[in-house]
Amino acid sequence: MSLNELRDKAYRNAVTHGFHNKELSNEHCLCLVISELMEAVEADRKGKRADRESFKSSYENEEPHYNADFKYSFEKYIKGCVGDELADACIRLFDLCGLRKIDINDFTEEMIYEATESCNGETFTESIYAISTIPVRYEYEYGYSFEKQVKSMLLGIIGFANYTGIDLLWHINQKMRYNELRENKHGKRY
């Protein structure tokens, strides 16, 4: 699945679940992305990692695959882990790109390699801080457009996940499926 296909899927699901019932500012949307990145920091501080083996044995290896079983297994073995929170940040960026009609060309291997290498010598929190501050730094230091800021955040998360050995695409796909099963606005005000 291409990044634009993930964008479209995330945006459709957000619309279906009431997240776009009123106009939202770019700052509002970016703040929610940053909040997901901060949740990834908290998950790392608590040592929360996905238990994919238990998830696989409790759900993926069982037939038939029921939504209730998926939701239970996801909540027990995946939800709230570092990969899940990074996936949330990406999904919010995909949604924002859908809302603003931003085309996300798939990143080249070289771009991903450079984003991965940029994490060398940084702690988990330093890398997340660097990603979180991209909109401000890139606007004022480099004059990047909003579109380029959003794409740079997404690339930063992909590179960071790659650096830390997290299968981000797997987490994104699981979280998107989970989000499809949730209530309006996921039970929150916004």
N, C-alpha and C. Protein backbone atom coordinates (compact mmCIF):
# COMPACT_ATOMS: atom_id res chain seq x y z
N MET A 1 0.85 -1.18 0.00
CA MET A 1 0.00 0.00 0.00
C MET A 1 0.90 1.24 0.00
N SER A 2 0.61 2.19 -0.86
CA SER A 2 1.41 3.41 -0.95
C SER A 2 1.06 4.37 0.19
N LEU A 3 1.91 5.36 0.38
CA LEU A 3 1.64 6.36 1.42
C LEU A 3 0.36 7.13 1.11
N ASN A 4 0.11 7.41 -0.17
CA ASN A 4 -1.14 8.11 -0.52
C ASN A 4 -2.36 7.24 -0.25
N GLU A 5 -2.24 5.94 -0.42
CA GLU A 5 -3.36 5.05 -0.09
C GLU A 5 -3.58 5.02 1.42
N LEU A 6 -2.51 5.01 2.19
CA LEU A 6 -2.65 5.08 3.65
C LEU A 6 -3.26 6.41 4.06
N ARG A 7 -2.84 7.49 3.40
CA ARG A 7 -3.42 8.83 3.65
C ARG A 7 -4.93 8.79 3.43
N ASP A 8 -5.34 8.27 2.28
CA ASP A 8 -6.77 8.25 1.95
C ASP A 8 -7.56 7.41 2.94
N LYS A 9 -7.01 6.27 3.32
CA LYS A 9 -7.69 5.39 4.27
C LYS A 9 -7.82 6.06 5.64
N ALA A 10 -6.75 6.69 6.11
CA ALA A 10 -6.79 7.37 7.42
C ALA A 10 -7.78 8.52 7.40
N TYR A 11 -7.77 9.29 6.33
CA TYR A 11 -8.67 10.44 6.23
C TYR A 11 -10.14 9.98 6.18
N ARG A 12 -10.44 8.97 5.37
CA ARG A 12 -11.82 8.44 5.30
C ARG A 12 -12.29 7.98 6.67
N ASN A 13 -11.44 7.27 7.39
CA ASN A 13 -11.82 6.77 8.70
C ASN A 13 -12.05 7.92 9.69
N ALA A 14 -11.21 8.95 9.61
CA ALA A 14 -11.38 10.11 10.50
C ALA A 14 -12.69 10.84 10.21
N VAL A 15 -13.02 10.97 8.93
CA VAL A 15 -14.29 11.61 8.55
C VAL A 15 -15.45 10.77 9.07
N THR A 16 -15.39 9.47 8.84
CA THR A 16 -16.45 8.55 9.28
C THR A 16 -16.65 8.62 10.80
N HIS A 17 -15.58 8.82 11.53
CA HIS A 17 -15.64 8.83 13.00
C HIS A 17 -15.79 10.23 13.59
N GLY A 18 -16.14 11.21 12.76
CA GLY A 18 -16.52 12.53 13.26
C GLY A 18 -15.40 13.49 13.57
N PHE A 19 -14.17 13.16 13.20
CA PHE A 19 -13.05 14.05 13.52
C PHE A 19 -13.02 15.32 12.69
N HIS A 20 -13.77 15.37 11.61
CA HIS A 20 -13.76 16.55 10.74
C HIS A 20 -15.14 17.19 10.63
N ASN A 21 -15.91 17.12 11.70
CA ASN A 21 -17.23 17.75 11.70
C ASN A 21 -17.14 19.27 11.74
N LYS A 22 -15.98 19.80 12.14
CA LYS A 22 -15.76 21.24 12.09
C LYS A 22 -14.34 21.48 11.60
N GLU A 23 -14.09 22.69 11.10
CA GLU A 23 -12.78 23.03 10.55
C GLU A 23 -11.73 23.05 11.66
N LEU A 24 -10.61 22.43 11.40
CA LEU A 24 -9.51 22.36 12.37
C LEU A 24 -8.29 23.07 11.80
N SER A 25 -7.59 23.81 12.64
CA SER A 25 -6.39 24.50 12.19
C SER A 25 -5.23 23.51 12.04
N ASN A 26 -4.25 23.91 11.27
CA ASN A 26 -3.04 23.10 11.14
C ASN A 26 -2.38 22.90 12.50
N GLU A 27 -2.37 23.96 13.31
CA GLU A 27 -1.76 23.88 14.63
C GLU A 27 -2.47 22.86 15.52
N HIS A 28 -3.80 22.82 15.45
CA HIS A 28 -4.58 21.84 16.20
C HIS A 28 -4.15 20.43 15.79
N CYS A 29 -4.11 20.20 14.50
CA CYS A 29 -3.77 18.86 13.99
C CYS A 29 -2.34 18.48 14.36
N LEU A 30 -1.40 19.41 14.23
CA LEU A 30 -0.01 19.12 14.58
C LEU A 30 0.16 18.88 16.07
N CYS A 31 -0.60 19.59 16.89
CA CYS A 31 -0.53 19.36 18.33
C CYS A 31 -0.95 17.93 18.67
N LEU A 32 -1.96 17.42 17.97
CA LEU A 32 -2.39 16.04 18.22
C LEU A 32 -1.34 15.03 17.75
N VAL A 33 -0.63 15.36 16.67
CA VAL A 33 0.48 14.51 16.22
C VAL A 33 1.55 14.48 17.31
N ILE A 34 1.90 15.66 17.80
CA ILE A 34 2.93 15.77 18.83
C ILE A 34 2.50 15.05 20.11
N SER A 35 1.21 15.10 20.43
CA SER A 35 0.73 14.38 21.63
C SER A 35 0.94 12.88 21.47
N GLU A 36 0.77 12.36 20.26
CA GLU A 36 1.02 10.93 20.02
C GLU A 36 2.51 10.62 20.19
N LEU A 37 3.36 11.53 19.72
CA LEU A 37 4.80 11.33 19.90
C LEU A 37 5.18 11.34 21.38
N MET A 38 4.51 12.18 22.17
CA MET A 38 4.77 12.21 23.61
C MET A 38 4.28 10.92 24.27
N GLU A 39 3.19 10.35 23.76
CA GLU A 39 2.73 9.06 24.27
C GLU A 39 3.75 7.97 23.94
N ALA A 40 4.43 8.08 22.81
CA ALA A 40 5.50 7.13 22.47
C ALA A 40 6.64 7.24 23.48
N VAL A 41 6.95 8.47 23.88
CA VAL A 41 7.99 8.67 24.90
C VAL A 41 7.57 7.99 26.21
N GLU A 42 6.33 8.20 26.62
CA GLU A 42 5.85 7.57 27.86
C GLU A 42 5.88 6.05 27.75
N ALA A 43 5.50 5.51 26.59
CA ALA A 43 5.54 4.06 26.39
C ALA A 43 6.98 3.56 26.50
N ASP A 44 7.92 4.31 25.94
CA ASP A 44 9.33 3.92 26.03
C ASP A 44 9.80 3.97 27.48
N ARG A 45 9.41 5.01 28.20
CA ARG A 45 9.82 5.14 29.60
C ARG A 45 9.32 3.96 30.43
N LYS A 46 8.14 3.45 30.06
CA LYS A 46 7.55 2.32 30.79
C LYS A 46 8.01 0.97 30.22
N GLY A 47 8.79 1.00 29.14
CA GLY A 47 9.27 -0.24 28.54
C GLY A 47 8.19 -1.00 27.79
N LYS A 48 7.16 -0.30 27.31
CA LYS A 48 6.04 -0.97 26.64
C LYS A 48 6.37 -1.24 25.17
N ARG A 49 6.50 -2.51 24.86
CA ARG A 49 6.73 -2.96 23.49
C ARG A 49 5.61 -3.92 23.11
N ALA A 50 5.38 -4.02 21.83
CA ALA A 50 4.34 -4.93 21.35
C ALA A 50 4.75 -6.37 21.64
N ASP A 51 3.78 -7.16 22.03
CA ASP A 51 3.99 -8.60 22.20
C ASP A 51 3.38 -9.27 20.97
N ARG A 52 4.13 -9.20 19.88
CA ARG A 52 3.61 -9.70 18.61
C ARG A 52 3.42 -11.22 18.61
N GLU A 53 4.25 -11.93 19.33
CA GLU A 53 4.09 -13.39 19.37
C GLU A 53 2.77 -13.77 20.03
N SER A 54 2.46 -13.14 21.15
CA SER A 54 1.18 -13.43 21.82
C SER A 54 0.01 -12.97 20.97
N PHE A 55 0.16 -11.81 20.33
CA PHE A 55 -0.89 -11.32 19.43
C PHE A 55 -1.11 -12.32 18.31
N LYS A 56 -0.02 -12.80 17.73
CA LYS A 56 -0.11 -13.75 16.62
C LYS A 56 -0.78 -15.04 17.07
N SER A 57 -0.38 -15.57 18.21
CA SER A 57 -0.96 -16.83 18.66
C SER A 57 -2.41 -16.68 19.11
N SER A 58 -2.77 -15.50 19.63
CA SER A 58 -4.14 -15.33 20.12
C SER A 58 -5.10 -14.86 19.03
N TYR A 59 -4.57 -14.27 17.97
CA TYR A 59 -5.47 -13.77 16.93
C TYR A 59 -5.09 -14.23 15.53
N GLU A 60 -3.89 -13.94 15.10
CA GLU A 60 -3.53 -14.20 13.71
C GLU A 60 -3.55 -15.68 13.36
N ASN A 61 -3.21 -16.54 14.30
CA ASN A 61 -3.18 -17.97 14.02
C ASN A 61 -4.54 -18.64 14.18
N GLU A 62 -5.52 -17.91 14.70
CA GLU A 62 -6.85 -18.47 14.93
C GLU A 62 -7.76 -18.19 13.74
N GLU A 63 -8.60 -19.13 13.43
CA GLU A 63 -9.60 -18.96 12.36
C GLU A 63 -10.97 -19.23 12.96
N PRO A 64 -12.01 -18.57 12.56
CA PRO A 64 -12.01 -17.38 11.71
C PRO A 64 -11.57 -16.15 12.51
N HIS A 65 -11.30 -15.06 11.80
CA HIS A 65 -10.86 -13.81 12.42
C HIS A 65 -12.06 -12.91 12.69
N TYR A 66 -12.48 -12.84 13.93
CA TYR A 66 -13.61 -11.99 14.31
C TYR A 66 -13.10 -10.63 14.80
N ASN A 67 -13.89 -9.59 14.54
CA ASN A 67 -13.51 -8.24 14.98
C ASN A 67 -13.34 -8.16 16.49
N ALA A 68 -14.22 -8.82 17.24
CA ALA A 68 -14.13 -8.77 18.70
C ALA A 68 -12.83 -9.42 19.18
N ASP A 69 -12.44 -10.52 18.54
CA ASP A 69 -11.18 -11.17 18.90
C ASP A 69 -9.99 -10.28 18.58
N PHE A 70 -10.06 -9.62 17.42
CA PHE A 70 -8.98 -8.70 17.03
C PHE A 70 -8.85 -7.58 18.05
N LYS A 71 -9.98 -6.96 18.37
CA LYS A 71 -9.97 -5.83 19.30
C LYS A 71 -9.41 -6.25 20.66
N TYR A 72 -9.85 -7.39 21.16
CA TYR A 72 -9.36 -7.89 22.45
C TYR A 72 -7.85 -8.13 22.40
N SER A 73 -7.40 -8.83 21.37
CA SER A 73 -5.97 -9.15 21.25
C SER A 73 -5.13 -7.89 21.06
N PHE A 74 -5.64 -6.95 20.26
CA PHE A 74 -4.92 -5.70 20.04
C PHE A 74 -4.77 -4.94 21.36
N GLU A 75 -5.86 -4.81 22.09
CA GLU A 75 -5.81 -4.07 23.35
C GLU A 75 -4.90 -4.74 24.38
N LYS A 76 -4.85 -6.05 24.35
CA LYS A 76 -4.04 -6.78 25.33
C LYS A 76 -2.55 -6.78 24.98
N TYR A 77 -2.21 -6.91 23.70
CA TYR A 77 -0.81 -7.15 23.33
C TYR A 77 -0.13 -6.02 22.55
N ILE A 78 -0.90 -5.07 22.03
CA ILE A 78 -0.31 -4.04 21.16
C ILE A 78 -0.58 -2.62 21.66
N LYS A 79 -1.80 -2.33 22.03
CA LYS A 79 -2.23 -0.95 22.34
C LYS A 79 -1.33 -0.29 23.38
N GLY A 80 -0.93 0.94 23.08
CA GLY A 80 -0.15 1.72 24.02
C GLY A 80 1.34 1.46 24.00
N CYS A 81 1.80 0.56 23.13
CA CYS A 81 3.24 0.31 23.05
C CYS A 81 3.89 1.39 22.17
N VAL A 82 5.20 1.41 22.13
CA VAL A 82 5.92 2.43 21.37
C VAL A 82 5.50 2.40 19.90
N GLY A 83 5.49 1.24 19.28
CA GLY A 83 5.12 1.14 17.87
C GLY A 83 3.70 1.61 17.60
N ASP A 84 2.80 1.32 18.51
CA ASP A 84 1.41 1.74 18.38
C ASP A 84 1.31 3.26 18.42
N GLU A 85 2.04 3.89 19.32
CA GLU A 85 1.99 5.36 19.43
C GLU A 85 2.65 6.03 18.24
N LEU A 86 3.73 5.46 17.73
CA LEU A 86 4.34 6.01 16.51
C LEU A 86 3.38 5.85 15.33
N ALA A 87 2.67 4.72 15.29
CA ALA A 87 1.66 4.52 14.24
C ALA A 87 0.56 5.57 14.36
N ASP A 88 0.13 5.86 15.59
CA ASP A 88 -0.88 6.91 15.80
C ASP A 88 -0.41 8.24 15.23
N ALA A 89 0.84 8.58 15.48
CA ALA A 89 1.38 9.85 14.97
C ALA A 89 1.35 9.86 13.44
N CYS A 90 1.73 8.75 12.83
CA CYS A 90 1.70 8.67 11.36
C CYS A 90 0.27 8.75 10.84
N ILE A 91 -0.65 8.08 11.49
CA ILE A 91 -2.05 8.10 11.06
C ILE A 91 -2.60 9.51 11.14
N ARG A 92 -2.26 10.23 12.18
CA ARG A 92 -2.70 11.64 12.28
C ARG A 92 -2.07 12.48 11.17
N LEU A 93 -0.82 12.22 10.83
CA LEU A 93 -0.20 12.93 9.71
C LEU A 93 -0.85 12.55 8.39
N PHE A 94 -1.16 11.27 8.20
CA PHE A 94 -1.87 10.84 6.98
C PHE A 94 -3.21 11.56 6.89
N ASP A 95 -3.93 11.59 8.00
CA ASP A 95 -5.23 12.26 8.04
C ASP A 95 -5.08 13.74 7.69
N LEU A 96 -4.10 14.40 8.26
CA LEU A 96 -3.85 15.81 7.97
C LEU A 96 -3.54 16.01 6.49
N CYS A 97 -2.76 15.12 5.93
CA CYS A 97 -2.46 15.20 4.49
C CYS A 97 -3.72 15.01 3.66
N GLY A 98 -4.59 14.12 4.09
CA GLY A 98 -5.87 13.94 3.39
C GLY A 98 -6.74 15.18 3.50
N LEU A 99 -6.81 15.74 4.69
CA LEU A 99 -7.60 16.95 4.92
C LEU A 99 -7.11 18.11 4.07
N ARG A 100 -5.82 18.28 3.98
CA ARG A 100 -5.23 19.42 3.24
C ARG A 100 -4.87 19.07 1.80
N LYS A 101 -5.23 17.84 1.39
CA LYS A 101 -4.97 17.38 0.02
C LYS A 101 -3.48 17.45 -0.33
N ILE A 102 -2.67 16.95 0.58
CA ILE A 102 -1.22 16.91 0.38
C ILE A 102 -0.85 15.56 -0.21
N ASP A 103 -0.17 15.60 -1.34
CA ASP A 103 0.30 14.38 -2.00
C ASP A 103 1.56 13.91 -1.30
N ILE A 104 1.56 12.67 -0.86
CA ILE A 104 2.74 12.10 -0.21
C ILE A 104 3.37 11.12 -1.18
N ASN A 105 4.38 11.56 -1.87
CA ASN A 105 5.11 10.63 -2.73
C ASN A 105 5.85 9.66 -1.82
N ASP A 106 5.91 8.42 -2.24
CA ASP A 106 6.66 7.46 -1.43
C ASP A 106 8.10 7.93 -1.31
N PHE A 107 8.66 7.78 -0.13
CA PHE A 107 10.02 8.22 0.12
C PHE A 107 11.01 7.24 -0.51
N THR A 108 12.10 7.76 -1.04
CA THR A 108 13.13 6.90 -1.63
C THR A 108 13.90 6.18 -0.53
N GLU A 109 14.56 5.10 -0.91
CA GLU A 109 15.40 4.37 0.04
C GLU A 109 16.47 5.28 0.63
N GLU A 110 17.02 6.17 -0.21
CA GLU A 110 18.06 7.09 0.26
C GLU A 110 17.51 8.05 1.31
N MET A 111 16.29 8.54 1.09
CA MET A 111 15.67 9.45 2.06
C MET A 111 15.45 8.74 3.40
N ILE A 112 14.96 7.51 3.33
CA ILE A 112 14.72 6.74 4.55
C ILE A 112 16.04 6.43 5.25
N TYR A 113 17.05 6.08 4.47
CA TYR A 113 18.38 5.81 5.04
C TYR A 113 18.90 7.04 5.78
N GLU A 114 18.79 8.20 5.15
CA GLU A 114 19.27 9.44 5.78
C GLU A 114 18.48 9.76 7.05
N ALA A 115 17.16 9.54 7.01
CA ALA A 115 16.33 9.79 8.20
C ALA A 115 16.69 8.81 9.31
N THR A 116 17.00 7.58 8.94
CA THR A 116 17.41 6.57 9.91
C THR A 116 18.76 6.95 10.53
N GLU A 117 19.70 7.32 9.69
CA GLU A 117 21.04 7.68 10.15
C GLU A 117 21.04 8.93 11.02
N SER A 118 20.07 9.81 10.81
CA SER A 118 20.02 11.05 11.60
C SER A 118 19.76 10.77 13.08
N CYS A 119 19.32 9.56 13.40
CA CYS A 119 19.04 9.20 14.80
C CYS A 119 20.30 8.73 15.53
N ASN A 120 21.37 8.45 14.79
CA ASN A 120 22.62 7.98 15.42
C ASN A 120 23.09 8.96 16.47
N GLY A 121 23.43 8.44 17.63
CA GLY A 121 23.97 9.27 18.70
C GLY A 121 22.92 10.01 19.51
N GLU A 122 21.65 9.80 19.19
CA GLU A 122 20.58 10.47 19.93
C GLU A 122 19.86 9.47 20.82
N THR A 123 19.36 9.95 21.95
CA THR A 123 18.51 9.11 22.78
C THR A 123 17.11 9.05 22.16
N PHE A 124 16.29 8.17 22.67
CA PHE A 124 14.91 8.07 22.22
C PHE A 124 14.24 9.44 22.29
N THR A 125 14.35 10.06 23.45
CA THR A 125 13.66 11.35 23.65
C THR A 125 14.24 12.45 22.77
N GLU A 126 15.53 12.44 22.53
CA GLU A 126 16.12 13.45 21.65
C GLU A 126 15.61 13.31 20.22
N SER A 127 15.49 12.08 19.76
CA SER A 127 14.96 11.87 18.41
C SER A 127 13.50 12.30 18.31
N ILE A 128 12.70 11.97 19.31
CA ILE A 128 11.29 12.38 19.30
C ILE A 128 11.18 13.90 19.39
N TYR A 129 12.02 14.51 20.20
CA TYR A 129 12.02 15.98 20.28
C TYR A 129 12.34 16.59 18.91
N ALA A 130 13.35 16.04 18.25
CA ALA A 130 13.73 16.56 16.93
C ALA A 130 12.56 16.46 15.95
N ILE A 131 11.84 15.35 15.97
CA ILE A 131 10.69 15.18 15.08
C ILE A 131 9.57 16.15 15.48
N SER A 132 9.32 16.27 16.78
CA SER A 132 8.23 17.13 17.27
C SER A 132 8.44 18.60 16.92
N THR A 133 9.67 19.02 16.84
CA THR A 133 9.95 20.43 16.59
C THR A 133 10.17 20.75 15.11
N ILE A 134 10.02 19.78 14.24
CA ILE A 134 10.20 20.03 12.80
C ILE A 134 9.34 21.18 12.31
N PRO A 135 8.05 21.24 12.63
CA PRO A 135 7.25 22.34 12.06
C PRO A 135 7.80 23.73 12.39
N VAL A 136 8.20 23.93 13.62
CA VAL A 136 8.71 25.25 14.02
C VAL A 136 10.09 25.49 13.43
N ARG A 137 10.98 24.52 13.61
CA ARG A 137 12.35 24.70 13.11
C ARG A 137 12.39 24.86 11.60
N TYR A 138 11.64 24.02 10.90
CA TYR A 138 11.71 24.05 9.44
C TYR A 138 11.04 25.28 8.85
N GLU A 139 10.04 25.80 9.54
CA GLU A 139 9.40 27.02 9.04
C GLU A 139 10.32 28.23 9.23
N TYR A 140 10.86 28.37 10.43
CA TYR A 140 11.63 29.57 10.74
C TYR A 140 13.09 29.49 10.30
N GLU A 141 13.69 28.31 10.36
CA GLU A 141 15.09 28.19 9.97
C GLU A 141 15.28 28.03 8.47
N TYR A 142 14.35 27.31 7.83
CA TYR A 142 14.54 26.97 6.42
C TYR A 142 13.45 27.52 5.51
N GLY A 143 12.40 28.06 6.07
CA GLY A 143 11.31 28.58 5.26
C GLY A 143 10.53 27.51 4.51
N TYR A 144 10.51 26.29 5.05
CA TYR A 144 9.79 25.19 4.40
C TYR A 144 8.29 25.46 4.40
N SER A 145 7.63 25.02 3.36
CA SER A 145 6.17 25.11 3.28
C SER A 145 5.56 24.16 4.30
N PHE A 146 4.28 24.37 4.60
CA PHE A 146 3.57 23.48 5.52
C PHE A 146 3.62 22.05 5.01
N GLU A 147 3.41 21.88 3.72
CA GLU A 147 3.44 20.54 3.12
C GLU A 147 4.78 19.86 3.38
N LYS A 148 5.86 20.57 3.19
CA LYS A 148 7.19 19.99 3.39
C LYS A 148 7.44 19.69 4.87
N GLN A 149 6.91 20.52 5.76
CA GLN A 149 7.05 20.27 7.20
C GLN A 149 6.37 18.95 7.58
N VAL A 150 5.14 18.76 7.08
CA VAL A 150 4.37 17.55 7.40
C VAL A 150 5.07 16.32 6.84
N LYS A 151 5.52 16.40 5.61
CA LYS A 151 6.23 15.26 5.00
C LYS A 151 7.53 14.97 5.75
N SER A 152 8.22 16.01 6.21
CA SER A 152 9.46 15.82 6.96
C SER A 152 9.20 15.14 8.30
N MET A 153 8.10 15.48 8.95
CA MET A 153 7.74 14.80 10.20
C MET A 153 7.49 13.32 9.94
N LEU A 154 6.73 13.04 8.89
CA LEU A 154 6.42 11.65 8.55
C LEU A 154 7.70 10.88 8.24
N LEU A 155 8.57 11.46 7.44
CA LEU A 155 9.84 10.81 7.12
C LEU A 155 10.68 10.62 8.39
N GLY A 156 10.67 11.59 9.28
CA GLY A 156 11.40 11.47 10.54
C GLY A 156 10.91 10.30 11.37
N ILE A 157 9.60 10.12 11.44
CA ILE A 157 9.03 9.00 12.21
C ILE A 157 9.39 7.68 11.56
N ILE A 158 9.30 7.61 10.24
CA ILE A 158 9.66 6.38 9.52
C ILE A 158 11.13 6.04 9.77
N GLY A 159 12.01 7.04 9.65
CA GLY A 159 13.43 6.81 9.90
C GLY A 159 13.70 6.38 11.33
N PHE A 160 13.02 7.01 12.28
CA PHE A 160 13.20 6.67 13.69
C PHE A 160 12.74 5.24 13.97
N ALA A 161 11.58 4.88 13.43
CA ALA A 161 11.08 3.51 13.63
C ALA A 161 12.07 2.51 13.03
N ASN A 162 12.58 2.82 11.87
CA ASN A 162 13.56 1.96 11.22
C ASN A 162 14.81 1.83 12.11
N TYR A 163 15.26 2.94 12.65
CA TYR A 163 16.45 2.96 13.51
C TYR A 163 16.24 2.12 14.77
N THR A 164 15.04 2.16 15.33
CA THR A 164 14.76 1.42 16.56
C THR A 164 14.26 0.00 16.31
N GLY A 165 14.17 -0.40 15.04
CA GLY A 165 13.77 -1.77 14.72
C GLY A 165 12.28 -2.03 14.83
N ILE A 166 11.47 -0.99 14.75
CA ILE A 166 10.02 -1.14 14.84
C ILE A 166 9.45 -1.29 13.44
N ASP A 167 8.62 -2.31 13.24
CA ASP A 167 7.95 -2.53 11.96
C ASP A 167 6.75 -1.58 11.90
N LEU A 168 7.02 -0.36 11.49
CA LEU A 168 6.01 0.70 11.54
C LEU A 168 4.81 0.40 10.65
N LEU A 169 5.04 -0.12 9.46
CA LEU A 169 3.93 -0.40 8.55
C LEU A 169 2.99 -1.43 9.17
N TRP A 170 3.53 -2.45 9.82
CA TRP A 170 2.70 -3.44 10.49
C TRP A 170 1.85 -2.76 11.57
N HIS A 171 2.47 -1.91 12.37
CA HIS A 171 1.74 -1.20 13.43
C HIS A 171 0.67 -0.27 12.84
N ILE A 172 0.99 0.41 11.76
CA ILE A 172 0.01 1.30 11.13
C ILE A 172 -1.19 0.50 10.66
N ASN A 173 -0.95 -0.63 10.01
CA ASN A 173 -2.06 -1.45 9.51
C ASN A 173 -2.92 -1.99 10.65
N GLN A 174 -2.29 -2.43 11.73
CA GLN A 174 -3.06 -2.93 12.87
C GLN A 174 -3.88 -1.81 13.50
N LYS A 175 -3.26 -0.63 13.69
CA LYS A 175 -3.95 0.47 14.34
C LYS A 175 -5.08 1.00 13.48
N MET A 176 -4.89 1.02 12.16
CA MET A 176 -5.98 1.48 11.29
C MET A 176 -7.17 0.52 11.40
N ARG A 177 -6.90 -0.75 11.45
CA ARG A 177 -8.00 -1.71 11.60
C ARG A 177 -8.70 -1.50 12.95
N TYR A 178 -7.92 -1.34 13.99
CA TYR A 178 -8.48 -1.10 15.32
C TYR A 178 -9.33 0.17 15.33
N ASN A 179 -8.82 1.24 14.73
CA ASN A 179 -9.56 2.51 14.70
C ASN A 179 -10.89 2.39 13.97
N GLU A 180 -10.95 1.53 12.96
CA GLU A 180 -12.21 1.32 12.24
C GLU A 180 -13.29 0.75 13.15
N LEU A 181 -12.89 0.06 14.20
CA LEU A 181 -13.83 -0.59 15.12
C LEU A 181 -14.23 0.29 16.30
N ARG A 182 -13.67 1.48 16.38
CA ARG A 182 -13.90 2.35 17.54
C ARG A 182 -15.11 3.25 17.35
N GLU A 183 -15.56 3.82 18.47
CA GLU A 183 -16.72 4.71 18.47
C GLU A 183 -16.34 6.08 17.89
N ASN A 184 -17.36 6.93 17.74
CA ASN A 184 -17.18 8.27 17.20
C ASN A 184 -16.12 9.04 17.99
N LYS A 185 -15.18 9.64 17.29
CA LYS A 185 -14.06 10.39 17.87
C LYS A 185 -13.32 9.57 18.93
N HIS A 186 -13.44 8.26 18.81
CA HIS A 186 -12.78 7.32 19.72
C HIS A 186 -13.13 7.61 21.17
N GLY A 187 -14.35 8.13 21.37
CA GLY A 187 -14.85 8.40 22.71
C GLY A 187 -14.32 9.69 23.33
N LYS A 188 -13.70 10.53 22.51
CA LYS A 188 -13.10 11.76 23.03
C LYS A 188 -13.81 12.98 22.45
N ARG A 189 -13.51 14.15 22.98
CA ARG A 189 -14.15 15.39 22.50
C ARG A 189 -13.64 15.79 21.12
N TYR A 190 -12.37 15.56 20.85
CA TYR A 190 -11.78 15.90 19.54
C TYR A 190 -10.58 15.02 19.27
